mmCIF file of all heavy atoms, coordinates in Angstrom:
data_MODEL
# 
_entry.id   MODEL 
# 
loop_
_atom_site.group_PDB 
_atom_site.id 
_atom_site.type_symbol 
_atom_site.label_atom_id 
_atom_site.label_alt_id 
_atom_site.label_comp_id 
_atom_site.label_asym_id 
_atom_site.label_entity_id 
_atom_site.label_seq_id 
_atom_site.pdbx_PDB_ins_code 
_atom_site.Cartn_x 
_atom_site.Cartn_y 
_atom_site.Cartn_z 
_atom_site.occupancy 
_atom_site.B_iso_or_equiv 
_atom_site.pdbx_formal_charge 
_atom_site.auth_seq_id 
_atom_site.auth_comp_id 
_atom_site.auth_asym_id 
_atom_site.auth_atom_id 
_atom_site.pdbx_PDB_model_num 
ATOM 1   N N   . ILE A 1 1  ? -4.390  -4.120  -19.716 1.00 0.00 ? 1  ILE A N   1 
ATOM 2   C CA  . ILE A 1 1  ? -5.188  -4.920  -18.773 1.00 0.00 ? 1  ILE A CA  1 
ATOM 3   C C   . ILE A 1 1  ? -6.442  -4.163  -18.343 1.00 0.00 ? 1  ILE A C   1 
ATOM 4   O O   . ILE A 1 1  ? -7.532  -4.725  -18.273 1.00 0.00 ? 1  ILE A O   1 
ATOM 5   C CB  . ILE A 1 1  ? -4.336  -5.313  -17.549 1.00 0.00 ? 1  ILE A CB  1 
ATOM 6   C CG1 . ILE A 1 1  ? -3.126  -6.158  -17.994 1.00 0.00 ? 1  ILE A CG1 1 
ATOM 7   C CG2 . ILE A 1 1  ? -5.183  -6.076  -16.534 1.00 0.00 ? 1  ILE A CG2 1 
ATOM 8   C CD1 . ILE A 1 1  ? -2.165  -6.486  -16.884 1.00 0.00 ? 1  ILE A CD1 1 
ATOM 9   N N   . GLY A 1 2  ? -6.308  -2.881  -18.048 1.00 0.00 ? 2  GLY A N   1 
ATOM 10  C CA  . GLY A 1 2  ? -7.460  -2.052  -17.718 1.00 0.00 ? 2  GLY A CA  1 
ATOM 11  C C   . GLY A 1 2  ? -7.704  -1.891  -16.224 1.00 0.00 ? 2  GLY A C   1 
ATOM 12  O O   . GLY A 1 2  ? -7.228  -2.678  -15.402 1.00 0.00 ? 2  GLY A O   1 
ATOM 13  N N   . ARG A 1 3  ? -8.454  -0.847  -15.871 1.00 0.00 ? 3  ARG A N   1 
ATOM 14  C CA  . ARG A 1 3  ? -8.761  -0.535  -14.483 1.00 0.00 ? 3  ARG A CA  1 
ATOM 15  C C   . ARG A 1 3  ? -10.040 -1.230  -14.019 1.00 0.00 ? 3  ARG A C   1 
ATOM 16  O O   . ARG A 1 3  ? -10.936 -1.502  -14.809 1.00 0.00 ? 3  ARG A O   1 
ATOM 17  C CB  . ARG A 1 3  ? -8.956  0.980   -14.298 1.00 0.00 ? 3  ARG A CB  1 
ATOM 18  C CG  . ARG A 1 3  ? -7.713  1.804   -14.465 1.00 0.00 ? 3  ARG A CG  1 
ATOM 19  C CD  . ARG A 1 3  ? -8.012  3.289   -14.292 1.00 0.00 ? 3  ARG A CD  1 
ATOM 20  N NE  . ARG A 1 3  ? -8.795  3.829   -15.405 1.00 0.00 ? 3  ARG A NE  1 
ATOM 21  C CZ  . ARG A 1 3  ? -10.027 4.281   -15.305 1.00 0.00 ? 3  ARG A CZ  1 
ATOM 22  N NH1 . ARG A 1 3  ? -10.665 4.241   -14.149 1.00 0.00 ? 3  ARG A NH1 1 
ATOM 23  N NH2 . ARG A 1 3  ? -10.647 4.786   -16.352 1.00 0.00 ? 3  ARG A NH2 1 
ATOM 24  N N   . ILE A 1 4  ? -10.109 -1.477  -12.721 1.00 0.00 ? 4  ILE A N   1 
ATOM 25  C CA  . ILE A 1 4  ? -11.348 -1.933  -12.102 1.00 0.00 ? 4  ILE A CA  1 
ATOM 26  C C   . ILE A 1 4  ? -12.350 -0.790  -12.131 1.00 0.00 ? 4  ILE A C   1 
ATOM 27  O O   . ILE A 1 4  ? -11.993 0.370   -11.889 1.00 0.00 ? 4  ILE A O   1 
ATOM 28  C CB  . ILE A 1 4  ? -11.089 -2.387  -10.647 1.00 0.00 ? 4  ILE A CB  1 
ATOM 29  C CG1 . ILE A 1 4  ? -10.320 -3.708  -10.637 1.00 0.00 ? 4  ILE A CG1 1 
ATOM 30  C CG2 . ILE A 1 4  ? -12.385 -2.521  -9.862  1.00 0.00 ? 4  ILE A CG2 1 
ATOM 31  C CD1 . ILE A 1 4  ? -9.907  -4.155  -9.249  1.00 0.00 ? 4  ILE A CD1 1 
ATOM 32  N N   . LYS A 1 5  ? -13.595 -1.093  -12.423 1.00 0.00 ? 5  LYS A N   1 
ATOM 33  C CA  . LYS A 1 5  ? -14.631 -0.065  -12.464 1.00 0.00 ? 5  LYS A CA  1 
ATOM 34  C C   . LYS A 1 5  ? -14.746 0.624   -11.105 1.00 0.00 ? 5  LYS A C   1 
ATOM 35  O O   . LYS A 1 5  ? -14.841 -0.026  -10.067 1.00 0.00 ? 5  LYS A O   1 
ATOM 36  C CB  . LYS A 1 5  ? -15.976 -0.690  -12.847 1.00 0.00 ? 5  LYS A CB  1 
ATOM 37  C CG  . LYS A 1 5  ? -17.093 0.325   -13.033 1.00 0.00 ? 5  LYS A CG  1 
ATOM 38  C CD  . LYS A 1 5  ? -18.383 -0.349  -13.479 1.00 0.00 ? 5  LYS A CD  1 
ATOM 39  C CE  . LYS A 1 5  ? -19.494 0.675   -13.680 1.00 0.00 ? 5  LYS A CE  1 
ATOM 40  N NZ  . LYS A 1 5  ? -20.764 0.037   -14.108 1.00 0.00 ? 5  LYS A NZ  1 
ATOM 41  N N   . GLY A 1 6  ? -14.731 1.935   -11.130 1.00 0.00 ? 6  GLY A N   1 
ATOM 42  C CA  . GLY A 1 6  ? -14.827 2.712   -9.902  1.00 0.00 ? 6  GLY A CA  1 
ATOM 43  C C   . GLY A 1 6  ? -13.508 3.222   -9.392  1.00 0.00 ? 6  GLY A C   1 
ATOM 44  O O   . GLY A 1 6  ? -13.462 4.102   -8.526  1.00 0.00 ? 6  GLY A O   1 
ATOM 45  N N   . VAL A 1 7  ? -12.401 2.702   -9.920  1.00 0.00 ? 7  VAL A N   1 
ATOM 46  C CA  . VAL A 1 7  ? -11.068 3.153   -9.521  1.00 0.00 ? 7  VAL A CA  1 
ATOM 47  C C   . VAL A 1 7  ? -10.552 4.136   -10.562 1.00 0.00 ? 7  VAL A C   1 
ATOM 48  O O   . VAL A 1 7  ? -10.329 3.755   -11.718 1.00 0.00 ? 7  VAL A O   1 
ATOM 49  C CB  . VAL A 1 7  ? -10.090 1.966   -9.376  1.00 0.00 ? 7  VAL A CB  1 
ATOM 50  C CG1 . VAL A 1 7  ? -8.697  2.470   -9.027  1.00 0.00 ? 7  VAL A CG1 1 
ATOM 51  C CG2 . VAL A 1 7  ? -10.585 0.995   -8.322  1.00 0.00 ? 7  VAL A CG2 1 
ATOM 52  N N   . ASP A 1 8  ? -10.393 5.391   -10.174 1.00 0.00 ? 8  ASP A N   1 
ATOM 53  C CA  . ASP A 1 8  ? -9.903  6.397   -11.121 1.00 0.00 ? 8  ASP A CA  1 
ATOM 54  C C   . ASP A 1 8  ? -8.418  6.246   -11.407 1.00 0.00 ? 8  ASP A C   1 
ATOM 55  O O   . ASP A 1 8  ? -7.991  6.340   -12.551 1.00 0.00 ? 8  ASP A O   1 
ATOM 56  C CB  . ASP A 1 8  ? -10.177 7.803   -10.568 1.00 0.00 ? 8  ASP A CB  1 
ATOM 57  C CG  . ASP A 1 8  ? -11.659 8.106   -10.528 1.00 0.00 ? 8  ASP A CG  1 
ATOM 58  O OD1 . ASP A 1 8  ? -12.224 8.353   -11.601 1.00 0.00 ? 8  ASP A OD1 1 
ATOM 59  O OD2 . ASP A 1 8  ? -12.249 8.074   -9.436  1.00 0.00 ? 8  ASP A OD2 1 
ATOM 60  N N   . ARG A 1 9  ? -7.644  6.021   -10.352 1.00 0.00 ? 9  ARG A N   1 
ATOM 61  C CA  . ARG A 1 9  ? -6.207  5.847   -10.514 1.00 0.00 ? 9  ARG A CA  1 
ATOM 62  C C   . ARG A 1 9  ? -5.731  4.706   -9.606  1.00 0.00 ? 9  ARG A C   1 
ATOM 63  O O   . ARG A 1 9  ? -5.826  4.816   -8.387  1.00 0.00 ? 9  ARG A O   1 
ATOM 64  C CB  . ARG A 1 9  ? -5.452  7.121   -10.142 1.00 0.00 ? 9  ARG A CB  1 
ATOM 65  C CG  . ARG A 1 9  ? -5.678  8.280   -11.101 1.00 0.00 ? 9  ARG A CG  1 
ATOM 66  C CD  . ARG A 1 9  ? -4.734  9.419   -10.764 1.00 0.00 ? 9  ARG A CD  1 
ATOM 67  N NE  . ARG A 1 9  ? -4.943  10.586  -11.603 1.00 0.00 ? 9  ARG A NE  1 
ATOM 68  C CZ  . ARG A 1 9  ? -4.224  11.697  -11.525 1.00 0.00 ? 9  ARG A CZ  1 
ATOM 69  N NH1 . ARG A 1 9  ? -3.242  11.784  -10.634 1.00 0.00 ? 9  ARG A NH1 1 
ATOM 70  N NH2 . ARG A 1 9  ? -4.482  12.714  -12.325 1.00 0.00 ? 9  ARG A NH2 1 
ATOM 71  N N   . PRO A 1 10 ? -5.232  3.628   -10.179 1.00 0.00 ? 10 PRO A N   1 
ATOM 72  C CA  . PRO A 1 10 ? -4.664  2.560   -9.348  1.00 0.00 ? 10 PRO A CA  1 
ATOM 73  C C   . PRO A 1 10 ? -3.496  3.091   -8.519  1.00 0.00 ? 10 PRO A C   1 
ATOM 74  O O   . PRO A 1 10 ? -2.823  4.053   -8.912  1.00 0.00 ? 10 PRO A O   1 
ATOM 75  C CB  . PRO A 1 10 ? -4.186  1.535   -10.387 1.00 0.00 ? 10 PRO A CB  1 
ATOM 76  C CG  . PRO A 1 10 ? -5.047  1.788   -11.585 1.00 0.00 ? 10 PRO A CG  1 
ATOM 77  C CD  . PRO A 1 10 ? -5.248  3.277   -11.609 1.00 0.00 ? 10 PRO A CD  1 
ATOM 78  N N   . GLY A 1 11 ? -3.270  2.481   -7.393  1.00 0.00 ? 11 GLY A N   1 
ATOM 79  C CA  . GLY A 1 11 ? -2.185  2.889   -6.512  1.00 0.00 ? 11 GLY A CA  1 
ATOM 80  C C   . GLY A 1 11 ? -1.126  1.812   -6.400  1.00 0.00 ? 11 GLY A C   1 
ATOM 81  O O   . GLY A 1 11 ? -1.433  0.626   -6.321  1.00 0.00 ? 11 GLY A O   1 
ATOM 82  N N   . MET A 1 12 ? 0.134   2.239   -6.395  1.00 0.00 ? 12 MET A N   1 
ATOM 83  C CA  . MET A 1 12 ? 1.236   1.311   -6.186  1.00 0.00 ? 12 MET A CA  1 
ATOM 84  C C   . MET A 1 12 ? 1.399   1.098   -4.685  1.00 0.00 ? 12 MET A C   1 
ATOM 85  O O   . MET A 1 12 ? 1.583   2.049   -3.929  1.00 0.00 ? 12 MET A O   1 
ATOM 86  C CB  . MET A 1 12 ? 2.527   1.863   -6.800  1.00 0.00 ? 12 MET A CB  1 
ATOM 87  C CG  . MET A 1 12 ? 3.663   0.860   -6.859  1.00 0.00 ? 12 MET A CG  1 
ATOM 88  S SD  . MET A 1 12 ? 3.392   -0.457  -8.082  1.00 0.00 ? 12 MET A SD  1 
ATOM 89  C CE  . MET A 1 12 ? 3.921   0.366   -9.584  1.00 0.00 ? 12 MET A CE  1 
ATOM 90  N N   . THR A 1 13 ? 1.321   -0.153  -4.277  1.00 0.00 ? 13 THR A N   1 
ATOM 91  C CA  . THR A 1 13 ? 1.249   -0.506  -2.861  1.00 0.00 ? 13 THR A CA  1 
ATOM 92  C C   . THR A 1 13 ? 2.458   -1.339  -2.457  1.00 0.00 ? 13 THR A C   1 
ATOM 93  O O   . THR A 1 13 ? 2.816   -2.289  -3.155  1.00 0.00 ? 13 THR A O   1 
ATOM 94  C CB  . THR A 1 13 ? -0.025  -1.323  -2.589  1.00 0.00 ? 13 THR A CB  1 
ATOM 95  O OG1 . THR A 1 13 ? -1.144  -0.619  -3.121  1.00 0.00 ? 13 THR A OG1 1 
ATOM 96  C CG2 . THR A 1 13 ? -0.220  -1.573  -1.112  1.00 0.00 ? 13 THR A CG2 1 
ATOM 97  N N   . THR A 1 14 ? 3.070   -0.991  -1.344  1.00 0.00 ? 14 THR A N   1 
ATOM 98  C CA  . THR A 1 14 ? 4.190   -1.786  -0.858  1.00 0.00 ? 14 THR A CA  1 
ATOM 99  C C   . THR A 1 14 ? 3.988   -2.119  0.606   1.00 0.00 ? 14 THR A C   1 
ATOM 100 O O   . THR A 1 14 ? 3.218   -1.468  1.318   1.00 0.00 ? 14 THR A O   1 
ATOM 101 C CB  . THR A 1 14 ? 5.529   -1.035  -1.048  1.00 0.00 ? 14 THR A CB  1 
ATOM 102 O OG1 . THR A 1 14 ? 6.618   -1.940  -0.864  1.00 0.00 ? 14 THR A OG1 1 
ATOM 103 C CG2 . THR A 1 14 ? 5.657   0.123   -0.054  1.00 0.00 ? 14 THR A CG2 1 
ATOM 104 N N   . THR A 1 15 ? 4.672   -3.153  1.058   1.00 0.00 ? 15 THR A N   1 
ATOM 105 C CA  . THR A 1 15 ? 4.620   -3.578  2.457   1.00 0.00 ? 15 THR A CA  1 
ATOM 106 C C   . THR A 1 15 ? 5.982   -3.349  3.096   1.00 0.00 ? 15 THR A C   1 
ATOM 107 O O   . THR A 1 15 ? 7.002   -3.781  2.564   1.00 0.00 ? 15 THR A O   1 
ATOM 108 C CB  . THR A 1 15 ? 4.240   -5.062  2.565   1.00 0.00 ? 15 THR A CB  1 
ATOM 109 O OG1 . THR A 1 15 ? 2.977   -5.270  1.920   1.00 0.00 ? 15 THR A OG1 1 
ATOM 110 C CG2 . THR A 1 15 ? 4.128   -5.493  4.013   1.00 0.00 ? 15 THR A CG2 1 
ATOM 111 N N   . LEU A 1 16 ? 5.984   -2.663  4.227   1.00 0.00 ? 16 LEU A N   1 
ATOM 112 C CA  . LEU A 1 16 ? 7.222   -2.334  4.926   1.00 0.00 ? 16 LEU A CA  1 
ATOM 113 C C   . LEU A 1 16 ? 7.173   -2.887  6.348   1.00 0.00 ? 16 LEU A C   1 
ATOM 114 O O   . LEU A 1 16 ? 6.095   -3.094  6.911   1.00 0.00 ? 16 LEU A O   1 
ATOM 115 C CB  . LEU A 1 16 ? 7.415   -0.811  4.963   1.00 0.00 ? 16 LEU A CB  1 
ATOM 116 C CG  . LEU A 1 16 ? 7.700   -0.147  3.616   1.00 0.00 ? 16 LEU A CG  1 
ATOM 117 C CD1 . LEU A 1 16 ? 7.629   1.374   3.735   1.00 0.00 ? 16 LEU A CD1 1 
ATOM 118 C CD2 . LEU A 1 16 ? 9.070   -0.560  3.104   1.00 0.00 ? 16 LEU A CD2 1 
ATOM 119 N N   . PRO A 1 17 ? 8.346   -3.115  6.951   1.00 0.00 ? 17 PRO A N   1 
ATOM 120 C CA  . PRO A 1 17 ? 8.368   -3.684  8.306   1.00 0.00 ? 17 PRO A CA  1 
ATOM 121 C C   . PRO A 1 17 ? 7.950   -2.675  9.365   1.00 0.00 ? 17 PRO A C   1 
ATOM 122 O O   . PRO A 1 17 ? 8.258   -1.479  9.267   1.00 0.00 ? 17 PRO A O   1 
ATOM 123 C CB  . PRO A 1 17 ? 9.839   -4.080  8.491   1.00 0.00 ? 17 PRO A CB  1 
ATOM 124 C CG  . PRO A 1 17 ? 10.593  -3.167  7.579   1.00 0.00 ? 17 PRO A CG  1 
ATOM 125 C CD  . PRO A 1 17 ? 9.705   -2.963  6.388   1.00 0.00 ? 17 PRO A CD  1 
ATOM 126 N N   . ALA A 1 18 ? 7.237   -3.139  10.352  1.00 0.00 ? 18 ALA A N   1 
ATOM 127 C CA  . ALA A 1 18 ? 6.900   -2.340  11.526  1.00 0.00 ? 18 ALA A CA  1 
ATOM 128 C C   . ALA A 1 18 ? 7.714   -2.887  12.698  1.00 0.00 ? 18 ALA A C   1 
ATOM 129 O O   . ALA A 1 18 ? 7.709   -4.088  12.948  1.00 0.00 ? 18 ALA A O   1 
ATOM 130 C CB  . ALA A 1 18 ? 5.405   -2.417  11.823  1.00 0.00 ? 18 ALA A CB  1 
ATOM 131 N N   . LEU A 1 19 ? 8.409   -2.014  13.386  1.00 0.00 ? 19 LEU A N   1 
ATOM 132 C CA  . LEU A 1 19 ? 9.301   -2.453  14.455  1.00 0.00 ? 19 LEU A CA  1 
ATOM 133 C C   . LEU A 1 19 ? 8.591   -2.556  15.791  1.00 0.00 ? 19 LEU A C   1 
ATOM 134 O O   . LEU A 1 19 ? 9.156   -3.029  16.770  1.00 0.00 ? 19 LEU A O   1 
ATOM 135 C CB  . LEU A 1 19 ? 10.486  -1.481  14.563  1.00 0.00 ? 19 LEU A CB  1 
ATOM 136 C CG  . LEU A 1 19 ? 11.261  -1.260  13.259  1.00 0.00 ? 19 LEU A CG  1 
ATOM 137 C CD1 . LEU A 1 19 ? 12.448  -0.344  13.490  1.00 0.00 ? 19 LEU A CD1 1 
ATOM 138 C CD2 . LEU A 1 19 ? 11.730  -2.589  12.680  1.00 0.00 ? 19 LEU A CD2 1 
ATOM 139 N N   . ALA A 1 20 ? 7.350   -2.079  15.848  1.00 0.00 ? 20 ALA A N   1 
ATOM 140 C CA  . ALA A 1 20 ? 6.563   -2.161  17.077  1.00 0.00 ? 20 ALA A CA  1 
ATOM 141 C C   . ALA A 1 20 ? 5.093   -2.244  16.677  1.00 0.00 ? 20 ALA A C   1 
ATOM 142 O O   . ALA A 1 20 ? 4.749   -2.096  15.509  1.00 0.00 ? 20 ALA A O   1 
ATOM 143 C CB  . ALA A 1 20 ? 6.820   -0.944  17.969  1.00 0.00 ? 20 ALA A CB  1 
ATOM 144 N N   . GLY A 1 21 ? 4.240   -2.467  17.650  1.00 0.00 ? 21 GLY A N   1 
ATOM 145 C CA  . GLY A 1 21 ? 2.819   -2.524  17.353  1.00 0.00 ? 21 GLY A CA  1 
ATOM 146 C C   . GLY A 1 21 ? 2.317   -3.939  17.212  1.00 0.00 ? 21 GLY A C   1 
ATOM 147 O O   . GLY A 1 21 ? 3.089   -4.901  17.243  1.00 0.00 ? 21 GLY A O   1 
ATOM 148 N N   . PRO A 1 22 ? 1.010   -4.106  17.019  1.00 0.00 ? 22 PRO A N   1 
ATOM 149 C CA  . PRO A 1 22 ? 0.400   -5.441  16.958  1.00 0.00 ? 22 PRO A CA  1 
ATOM 150 C C   . PRO A 1 22 ? 0.770   -6.228  15.706  1.00 0.00 ? 22 PRO A C   1 
ATOM 151 O O   . PRO A 1 22 ? 0.703   -7.452  15.702  1.00 0.00 ? 22 PRO A O   1 
ATOM 152 C CB  . PRO A 1 22 ? -1.104  -5.144  17.001  1.00 0.00 ? 22 PRO A CB  1 
ATOM 153 C CG  . PRO A 1 22 ? -1.235  -3.748  16.474  1.00 0.00 ? 22 PRO A CG  1 
ATOM 154 C CD  . PRO A 1 22 ? -0.002  -3.035  16.935  1.00 0.00 ? 22 PRO A CD  1 
ATOM 155 N N   . GLU A 1 23 ? 1.117   -5.530  14.612  1.00 0.00 ? 23 GLU A N   1 
ATOM 156 C CA  . GLU A 1 23 ? 1.471   -6.210  13.363  1.00 0.00 ? 23 GLU A CA  1 
ATOM 157 C C   . GLU A 1 23 ? 2.962   -6.017  13.082  1.00 0.00 ? 23 GLU A C   1 
ATOM 158 O O   . GLU A 1 23 ? 3.584   -5.056  13.548  1.00 0.00 ? 23 GLU A O   1 
ATOM 159 C CB  . GLU A 1 23 ? 0.653   -5.653  12.198  1.00 0.00 ? 23 GLU A CB  1 
ATOM 160 C CG  . GLU A 1 23 ? -0.846  -5.653  12.433  1.00 0.00 ? 23 GLU A CG  1 
ATOM 161 C CD  . GLU A 1 23 ? -1.439  -7.040  12.566  1.00 0.00 ? 23 GLU A CD  1 
ATOM 162 O OE1 . GLU A 1 23 ? -0.831  -8.000  12.071  1.00 0.00 ? 23 GLU A OE1 1 
ATOM 163 O OE2 . GLU A 1 23 ? -2.515  -7.166  13.183  1.00 0.00 ? 23 GLU A OE2 1 
ATOM 164 N N   . ASP A 1 24 ? 3.562   -6.933  12.297  1.00 0.00 ? 24 ASP A N   1 
ATOM 165 C CA  . ASP A 1 24 ? 4.987   -6.823  12.005  1.00 0.00 ? 24 ASP A CA  1 
ATOM 166 C C   . ASP A 1 24 ? 5.261   -6.102  10.696  1.00 0.00 ? 24 ASP A C   1 
ATOM 167 O O   . ASP A 1 24 ? 6.399   -6.038  10.245  1.00 0.00 ? 24 ASP A O   1 
ATOM 168 C CB  . ASP A 1 24 ? 5.632   -8.211  11.982  1.00 0.00 ? 24 ASP A CB  1 
ATOM 169 C CG  . ASP A 1 24 ? 5.090   -9.100  10.874  1.00 0.00 ? 24 ASP A CG  1 
ATOM 170 O OD1 . ASP A 1 24 ? 4.147   -8.677  10.160  1.00 0.00 ? 24 ASP A OD1 1 
ATOM 171 O OD2 . ASP A 1 24 ? 5.593   -10.227 10.714  1.00 0.00 ? 24 ASP A OD2 1 
# 
């Protein structure tokens, strides 16, 4: 598929729960 120009290494991103704060 290939990398976006300007990105040297793509990052694996995950979403985790926040138990407090403005966002969940």
